[in-house]
Amino acid sequence: MSTKCEQCHYYIYDEIYDDYVCDMDLDEDEMVRFLSSRTNDCPYWRPGDDYALARKQ
C-alpha cells in the first residue's frame, strides 16, 4: 500500500474501528487485483485536497 495514505481522499476515520481506514469502494474483482498487486503505489490514490473545490469558484 502507498505511504501517501494520510493524504488520500479515501483515507477516513472510522468510529466503529476507532482507527483510520481506506474507504475506497471496490467490487470483488477489483479487491483481488488490488490485494494481489506487487507494486508499492496504490492505483486508487487521489489527493485529499479539501480546498480544491474552493479554488474553482
Protein backbone atom coordinates (compact mmCIF):
# COMPACT_ATOMS: atom_id res chain seq x y z
CA MET A 1 0.00 0.00 0.00
CA SER A 2 1.15 3.50 -0.65
CA THR A 3 2.90 5.50 2.04
CA LYS A 4 0.81 8.51 0.99
CA CYS A 5 -2.39 7.16 2.57
CA GLU A 6 -2.54 10.01 5.07
CA GLN A 7 -3.07 12.50 2.22
CA CYS A 8 -5.53 10.30 0.30
CA HIS A 9 -9.15 11.28 -0.26
CA TYR A 10 -10.31 7.78 0.70
CA TYR A 11 -8.39 7.61 4.00
CA ILE A 12 -11.04 8.37 6.63
CA TYR A 13 -11.53 7.93 10.35
CA ASP A 14 -13.90 5.07 11.18
CA GLU A 15 -15.57 5.43 14.57
CA ILE A 16 -16.50 1.73 14.71
CA TYR A 17 -12.88 0.59 14.34
CA ASP A 18 -11.56 3.68 16.15
CA ASP A 19 -8.87 3.98 13.51
CA TYR A 20 -8.22 5.35 10.02
CA VAL A 21 -9.21 3.09 7.13
CA CYS A 22 -9.26 3.17 3.35
CA ASP A 23 -12.84 3.86 2.23
CA MET A 24 -12.35 3.01 -1.45
CA ASP A 25 -15.43 1.18 -2.74
CA LEU A 26 -14.08 -1.84 -4.64
CA ASP A 27 -16.02 -4.74 -6.09
CA GLU A 28 -14.76 -8.29 -5.59
CA ASP A 29 -12.62 -8.40 -8.76
CA GLU A 30 -11.02 -5.03 -8.04
CA MET A 31 -10.24 -6.07 -4.46
CA VAL A 32 -8.50 -9.25 -5.64
CA ARG A 33 -6.47 -7.24 -8.16
CA PHE A 34 -5.58 -4.66 -5.52
CA LEU A 35 -4.54 -7.21 -2.88
CA SER A 36 -2.52 -9.30 -5.33
CA SER A 37 -0.69 -6.28 -6.75
CA ARG A 38 3.06 -6.35 -6.40
CA THR A 39 3.52 -2.61 -6.71
CA ASN A 40 4.08 -0.19 -3.83
CA ASP A 41 1.88 2.53 -5.33
CA CYS A 42 -1.85 2.44 -4.76
CA PRO A 43 -3.67 2.72 -8.11
CA TYR A 44 -6.67 4.35 -6.41
CA TRP A 45 -4.77 7.09 -4.58
CA ARG A 46 -6.28 10.54 -5.03
CA PRO A 47 -5.10 13.68 -3.25
CA GLY A 48 -7.45 14.65 -0.43
CA ASP A 49 -7.31 18.38 -1.05
CA ASP A 50 -10.18 19.95 0.90
CA TYR A 51 -9.68 23.29 -0.85
CA ALA A 52 -9.81 22.03 -4.45
CA LEU A 53 -13.48 22.95 -4.80
CA ALA A 54 -12.97 26.41 -3.31
CA ARG A 55 -10.21 27.19 -5.82
CA LYS A 56 -12.58 26.51 -8.72
CA GLN A 57 -15.08 29.12 -7.56
